[in-house]
């Protein structure tokens, strides 16, 4: 039997699969066509993205406004503050008078209690003082209730008046702001601490601050005296 050497299986080399000329040409043509279309589309895609970014930048114009400064320097806000101060002063005088009335009733009751502690007081005098003390206690309770009711009502009146004045002033400010921002800005932020929503801006480099433009509109009809005070 003749001796033969077999090639190990792991050394067998597979023949490459052949592609017919027609199928290879079709595949190559398809790849070239796709590549050409992609290269052709890229510039247009780039133009579209750039246009969208440019339009977004042109549309999204931001500005900031300082409400606290406007409430401080708007002449109607100054007049409103003066009105509130006069109203509070008027109520304060009435408040102090009512408070003094309560304190006088309390002091009188305290004096009657001290008289009852005297060892030299007679029984008849004691009964008389006890009756007076009872009446004084009722008087004190009545005055104290009236005083507390007046205090609560006064606070409520001042708060409502202040809220109403602020509502009117805020409407004026927003109307002036709309004149400045219309057709120029899409968003205006507040940069004042404790300002109305949506929030506060504490640093705004590169963003327009329209506060002074708004203030100029608000104060254009201000009395001459108010304008002089603003300049100071």
Protein backbone atom coordinates (compact mmCIF):
# COMPACT_ATOMS: atom_id res chain seq x y z
CA UNK A 1 0.00 0.00 0.00
CA UNK A 2 1.56 3.26 -1.07
CA UNK A 3 2.49 5.74 1.60
CA UNK A 4 0.66 9.13 1.37
CA UNK A 5 0.70 12.32 3.31
CA UNK A 6 -2.61 14.09 3.96
CA UNK A 7 -2.74 17.79 4.46
CA UNK A 8 -4.02 18.65 7.94
CA UNK A 9 -7.48 20.07 7.96
CA UNK A 10 -6.41 23.31 9.62
CA UNK A 11 -3.96 23.93 6.74
CA UNK A 12 -6.59 23.70 4.03
CA UNK A 13 -7.08 27.08 2.35
CA UNK A 14 -10.54 27.88 1.10
CA UNK A 15 -10.79 29.32 -2.33
CA UNK A 16 -12.19 32.83 -2.43
CA UNK A 17 -15.72 33.14 -3.62
CA UNK A 18 -15.89 34.70 -7.04
CA UNK A 19 -18.30 37.32 -8.12
CA UNK A 20 -19.41 37.47 -11.66
CA UNK A 21 -18.35 40.52 -13.61
CA UNK A 22 -21.93 41.69 -14.00
CA UNK A 23 -22.83 41.43 -10.30
CA UNK A 24 -19.55 43.04 -9.23
CA UNK A 25 -20.10 45.95 -11.61
CA UNK A 26 -23.65 46.46 -10.39
CA UNK A 27 -22.53 46.40 -6.73
CA UNK A 28 -19.70 48.83 -7.42
CA UNK A 29 -21.98 51.20 -9.33
CA UNK A 30 -24.51 51.17 -6.47
CA UNK A 31 -21.83 52.05 -3.90
CA UNK A 32 -20.48 54.87 -6.06
CA UNK A 33 -23.99 56.26 -6.52
CA UNK A 34 -24.72 56.22 -2.75
CA UNK A 35 -21.39 57.87 -1.96
CA UNK A 36 -21.99 60.56 -4.57
CA UNK A 37 -25.47 61.31 -3.20
CA UNK A 38 -24.15 61.53 0.37
CA UNK A 39 -21.39 63.91 -0.64
CA UNK A 40 -23.90 65.96 -2.60
CA UNK A 41 -26.33 66.13 0.36
CA UNK A 42 -23.76 67.15 2.99
CA UNK A 43 -23.38 70.78 1.85
CA UNK A 44 -27.15 71.23 1.76
CA UNK A 45 -27.51 69.66 5.19
CA UNK A 46 -24.83 72.00 6.50
CA UNK A 47 -26.64 74.99 4.99
CA UNK A 48 -29.93 73.89 6.56
CA UNK A 49 -28.42 73.49 10.03
CA UNK A 50 -26.61 76.82 9.77
CA UNK A 51 -29.81 78.55 8.70
CA UNK A 52 -31.71 77.02 11.62
CA UNK A 53 -29.04 78.14 14.09
CA UNK A 54 -28.98 81.63 12.58
CA UNK A 55 -32.76 81.90 12.69
CA UNK A 56 -32.80 80.65 16.29
CA UNK A 57 -30.18 83.20 17.24
CA UNK A 58 -32.07 85.98 15.49
CA UNK A 59 -35.37 84.97 17.06
CA UNK A 60 -34.15 84.30 20.60
CA UNK A 61 -33.26 87.82 21.74
CA UNK A 62 -32.97 88.18 25.53
CA UNK A 63 -33.12 91.18 27.85
CA UNK A 64 -33.26 91.82 31.60
CA UNK A 65 -35.18 94.30 33.73
CA UNK A 66 -34.76 95.46 37.33
CA UNK A 67 -38.20 95.65 38.97
CA UNK A 68 -36.85 96.80 42.32
CA UNK A 69 -35.17 99.81 40.75
CA UNK A 70 -38.34 100.66 38.81
CA UNK A 71 -40.50 100.43 41.94
CA UNK A 72 -37.98 102.71 43.67
CA UNK A 73 -37.58 105.36 40.96
CA UNK A 74 -40.97 105.42 39.21
CA UNK A 75 -42.62 108.67 40.32
CA UNK A 76 -46.04 107.06 40.78
CA UNK A 77 -44.45 104.44 43.03
CA UNK A 78 -42.96 107.25 45.11
CA UNK A 79 -46.37 108.92 45.34
CA UNK A 80 -47.94 105.60 46.32
CA UNK A 81 -45.39 105.09 49.08
CA UNK A 82 -46.15 108.58 50.40
CA UNK A 83 -49.88 107.83 50.42
CA UNK A 84 -49.28 104.60 52.31
CA UNK A 85 -47.07 106.35 54.84
CA UNK A 86 -49.77 108.98 55.51
CA UNK A 87 -52.40 106.28 55.92
CA UNK A 88 -50.17 104.34 58.31
CA UNK A 89 -49.43 107.50 60.30
CA UNK A 90 -53.14 108.23 60.61
CA UNK A 91 -53.82 104.69 61.82
CA UNK A 92 -50.82 104.77 64.13
CA UNK A 93 -52.24 107.74 66.07
CA UNK A 94 -55.58 105.98 66.48
CA UNK A 95 -53.73 102.80 67.40
CA UNK A 96 -51.75 104.53 70.14
CA UNK A 97 -54.87 106.19 71.57
CA UNK A 98 -56.69 102.86 71.80
CA UNK A 99 -53.61 101.21 73.28
CA UNK A 100 -53.37 103.92 75.93
CA UNK A 101 -57.04 103.41 76.79
CA UNK A 102 -56.40 99.71 77.40
CA UNK A 103 -53.33 100.49 79.51
CA UNK A 104 -55.30 102.98 81.64
CA UNK A 105 -57.95 100.35 82.35
CA UNK A 106 -55.22 97.87 83.28
CA UNK A 107 -53.51 100.35 85.61
CA UNK A 108 -56.81 101.17 87.34
CA UNK A 109 -57.47 97.47 87.88
CA UNK A 110 -53.98 96.98 89.28
CA UNK A 111 -54.54 99.88 91.76
CA UNK A 112 -57.80 98.33 92.97
CA UNK A 113 -56.07 94.99 93.52
CA UNK A 114 -53.41 96.72 95.62
CA UNK A 115 -56.13 98.43 97.71
CA UNK A 116 -57.67 95.04 98.45
CA UNK A 117 -54.35 93.86 99.93
CA UNK A 118 -54.37 96.60 102.60
CA UNK A 119 -54.74 95.08 106.12
CA UNK A 120 -56.62 98.16 107.36
CA UNK A 121 -59.43 97.85 104.82
CA UNK A 122 -62.92 97.35 106.26
CA UNK A 123 -65.30 94.65 105.05
CA UNK A 124 -67.71 97.15 103.57
CA UNK A 125 -64.87 98.93 101.75
CA UNK A 126 -63.55 95.60 100.57
CA UNK A 127 -66.89 94.68 99.00
CA UNK A 128 -67.05 98.09 97.36
CA UNK A 129 -63.57 97.69 95.86
CA UNK A 130 -64.33 94.15 94.71
CA UNK A 131 -67.36 95.49 92.80
CA UNK A 132 -65.25 98.23 91.24
CA UNK A 133 -62.58 95.71 90.32
CA UNK A 134 -65.15 93.49 88.62
CA UNK A 135 -66.44 96.43 86.57
CA UNK A 136 -62.89 97.50 85.71
CA UNK A 137 -62.02 93.98 84.57
CA UNK A 138 -65.04 93.98 82.24
CA UNK A 139 -64.02 97.41 80.94
CA UNK A 140 -60.47 96.20 80.36
CA UNK A 141 -61.66 93.11 78.44
CA UNK A 142 -63.95 95.22 76.26
CA UNK A 143 -61.26 97.81 75.45
CA UNK A 144 -58.70 95.13 74.77
CA UNK A 145 -61.02 93.35 72.31
CA UNK A 146 -61.78 96.62 70.50
CA UNK A 147 -58.06 97.36 70.36
CA UNK A 148 -57.18 93.93 68.92
CA UNK A 149 -59.98 94.16 66.35
CA UNK A 150 -58.83 97.63 65.30
CA UNK A 151 -55.24 96.42 64.98
CA UNK A 152 -56.24 93.49 62.73
CA UNK A 153 -58.54 95.66 60.61
CA UNK A 154 -55.86 98.33 60.22
CA UNK A 155 -53.30 95.80 59.06
CA UNK A 156 -55.81 94.37 56.60
CA UNK A 157 -56.65 97.82 55.21
CA UNK A 158 -52.98 98.71 54.73
CA UNK A 159 -52.17 95.38 53.09
CA UNK A 160 -55.09 95.66 50.66
CA UNK A 161 -54.21 99.25 49.81
CA UNK A 162 -50.58 98.33 49.27
CA UNK A 163 -51.50 95.34 47.07
CA UNK A 164 -53.83 97.52 44.98
CA UNK A 165 -51.20 100.23 44.52
CA UNK A 166 -48.54 97.68 43.57
CA UNK A 167 -50.90 96.07 41.06
CA UNK A 168 -51.47 99.40 39.31
CA UNK A 169 -47.76 100.26 39.29
CA UNK A 170 -46.79 96.80 38.05
CA UNK A 171 -49.29 97.14 35.20
CA UNK A 172 -47.69 100.47 34.23
CA UNK A 173 -44.22 98.93 34.33
CA UNK A 174 -45.22 95.93 32.22
CA UNK A 175 -46.95 98.18 29.68
CA UNK A 176 -43.79 100.29 29.31
CA UNK A 177 -41.67 97.15 29.13
CA UNK A 178 -43.84 95.81 26.29
CA UNK A 179 -43.26 99.03 24.34
CA UNK A 180 -39.50 98.59 24.66
CA UNK A 181 -39.42 94.83 24.06
CA UNK A 182 -42.00 94.52 21.25
CA UNK A 183 -40.52 93.27 17.95
CA UNK A 184 -37.04 93.31 19.49
CA UNK A 185 -36.89 90.77 22.32
CA UNK A 186 -38.56 87.39 22.69
CA UNK A 187 -37.79 86.90 26.40
CA UNK A 188 -37.29 89.44 29.20
CA UNK A 189 -35.95 88.18 32.53
CA UNK A 190 -36.15 89.87 35.91
CA UNK A 191 -32.79 90.37 37.60
CA UNK A 192 -34.13 91.73 40.89
CA UNK A 193 -34.04 89.69 44.06
CA UNK A 194 -37.56 89.21 45.35
CA UNK A 195 -38.99 90.18 41.99
CA UNK A 196 -42.05 88.78 40.26
CA UNK A 197 -41.80 85.37 38.54
CA UNK A 198 -40.24 83.67 36.61
CA UNK A 199 -37.07 84.20 38.60
CA UNK A 200 -33.98 86.29 39.15
CA UNK A 201 -30.84 87.09 37.17
CA UNK A 202 -27.80 88.10 39.20
CA UNK A 203 -25.34 88.41 36.28
CA UNK A 204 -26.20 89.44 32.74
CA UNK A 205 -23.06 90.28 30.79
CA UNK A 206 -23.83 90.44 27.07
CA UNK A 207 -27.62 90.68 27.63
CA UNK A 208 -29.39 93.99 27.13
CA UNK A 209 -30.67 95.72 30.28
CA UNK A 210 -33.82 97.67 29.36
CA UNK A 211 -34.52 99.05 32.85
CA UNK A 212 -33.54 102.64 32.07
CA UNK A 213 -35.49 102.64 28.80
CA UNK A 214 -38.59 101.48 30.66
CA UNK A 215 -38.00 104.03 33.43
CA UNK A 216 -37.71 106.83 30.87
CA UNK A 217 -41.15 105.93 29.48
CA UNK A 218 -42.67 105.72 32.96
CA UNK A 219 -41.30 109.07 34.10
CA UNK A 220 -41.86 111.08 30.92
CA UNK A 221 -45.04 112.60 32.43
CA UNK A 222 -43.65 112.99 35.94
CA UNK A 223 -44.11 116.35 37.70
CA UNK A 224 -41.08 118.62 37.56
CA UNK A 225 -40.45 118.25 41.29
CA UNK A 226 -40.31 114.49 40.97
CA UNK A 227 -37.90 114.72 38.02
CA UNK A 228 -35.56 116.98 40.04
CA UNK A 229 -35.56 114.48 42.91
CA UNK A 230 -34.71 111.68 40.48
CA UNK A 231 -31.69 113.62 39.17
CA UNK A 232 -30.42 114.07 42.72
